[in-house]
Amino acid sequence: MTIWTEQQAERPVTLSATGGLDRGAHHRLDEAWLAVAWSHPSTRCFVVCGGQALVVDTDDGRTELVTMPTFDAPITEAHRYFLGTDTEGVRYFALQKDALPGRMDDLARPAGLREAGALLGERDAALLVHAVALENWQRLHRFCSRCGERTVIAAAGHIRRCPACGAEHYPRTDPAVIMLVTDDQDRALLGRQVHWPKGRFSTLAGFVEPGESLENAVRREVFEEAGLPVGEVEYLASQPWPFPSSLMLGFTAQATTSRLQVDGEEIEEARWFSREELRAAIEAGEVLPLTGIFIATRLVERWYGGPLPKAPAA
C-alpha cells in the first residue's frame, strides 16, 4: 500500500477548487457591464443542457470544455448566466438551451459532471459545476413560492424575481453531511444502500434537518442508519454536488461502540473494515472500489493512506 504524504492527503476535493476564477458577484446586477463583457471578443461561452455540456479529448490526453466566442453563440437573452473571469481576464458565460449544439468536426461529445468532472482541468470543472447548478435551479424553480406567479431571471442567472409580489428567490443549496466513521480499532465503517448492487459500499451520508447543526446531523444520521452512537466529529472538506442542488460536507466521526444495527430501510448492510480487510475484499471482488469524483472516495482514501486497490480484471 502506498502511504500518502500529509500534503497529498489534504489535497482539494474534486469540483471544490475555484480554478482561478473570480465569480465577480458584484457585476451581476450591472447590466451595462454585463453587456460589455458579453460583447468583448475574448469572452467565451458554452451551452448547458440537462446537466451536460460538450467536451473534447485533445491529442495530448486532456479533456476540455468546448467553449465558443459569443458571436458564435446560440441566441438567448434570459438564460444567459455570467460565471466569472479567469486569471487572464477572459469572461465566461453559460447558455441554458433545450439541446446542445452540433459540432462540424464530430470530435466533441456531451458529458456531465459524473463522467467528466475528474477529467477536466480545475478551471473547466469549476465552470461546469457552476453552470449545472444554475441550470438545475432555473429549471425547477420557475414560479414564485409566495404567490405562484412565473418569475423572471435577474442578476445574470443568480436571482429569480416575482413581478407580482416582488419576492426575490435565490439558488437553492441543500446541505448534506457525509462521514467516514471509525471505531477504537481504527476500522472504517462502510454501508450498502438497499438499491445498490451487491458489493457496492460507501460512507454514510444524509441531509441536514432544519434547526440542526452539522455535527448533530452526523450523529443523528449514523445512529439512524447504523445504530451507532458517535462521539468526536471533525470537519474535513466540502464538495458542491448539483444533483440537483446539494453541498456535501465531509466529516470524520468516532463511534463509541462497534456494535452495528442497520435500519434496513436506507442501509441494508454495514461492515467494519481494517485496511487489510478492505484491500483483500476489493482484490477478491467482494467489494467494489470507490472511484470517480465522489467526496466519499477521498474520505476513504485519506483513512486508507493512499489510492484504493483496483477491481480485479474480468
Foldseek 3Di string as FASTA:
>chain_A
DAFDDPCVLQDAFFLPDQLQWDQPLVCLQVVVVVVVLLPDQQEKEWEDAPQKTKWAQDPVGAIEGDIDRSVPDDDDDQQKAWGGAHPVRYTYIYGYDHDGDDDPVPRIDIDHCQPCRVRHDNNRSNSSLVSQQLNLQCVVPQADPPPGAGWGAGSRSAWTAHPPPGDIDGRDEWEKEWEFEAEPVLWTKWFDFPPDDQQETFTFMGTDDPPGDPVVRVQVRCCQAWVFGWDDKAWRHWHADPPPHYIYTYIYIYTHDDDTDGNCHTTVDMDTGDLVRQLVCQAVVRHAQDDTSDVRQSNVCSSSRHHHDHHDDD
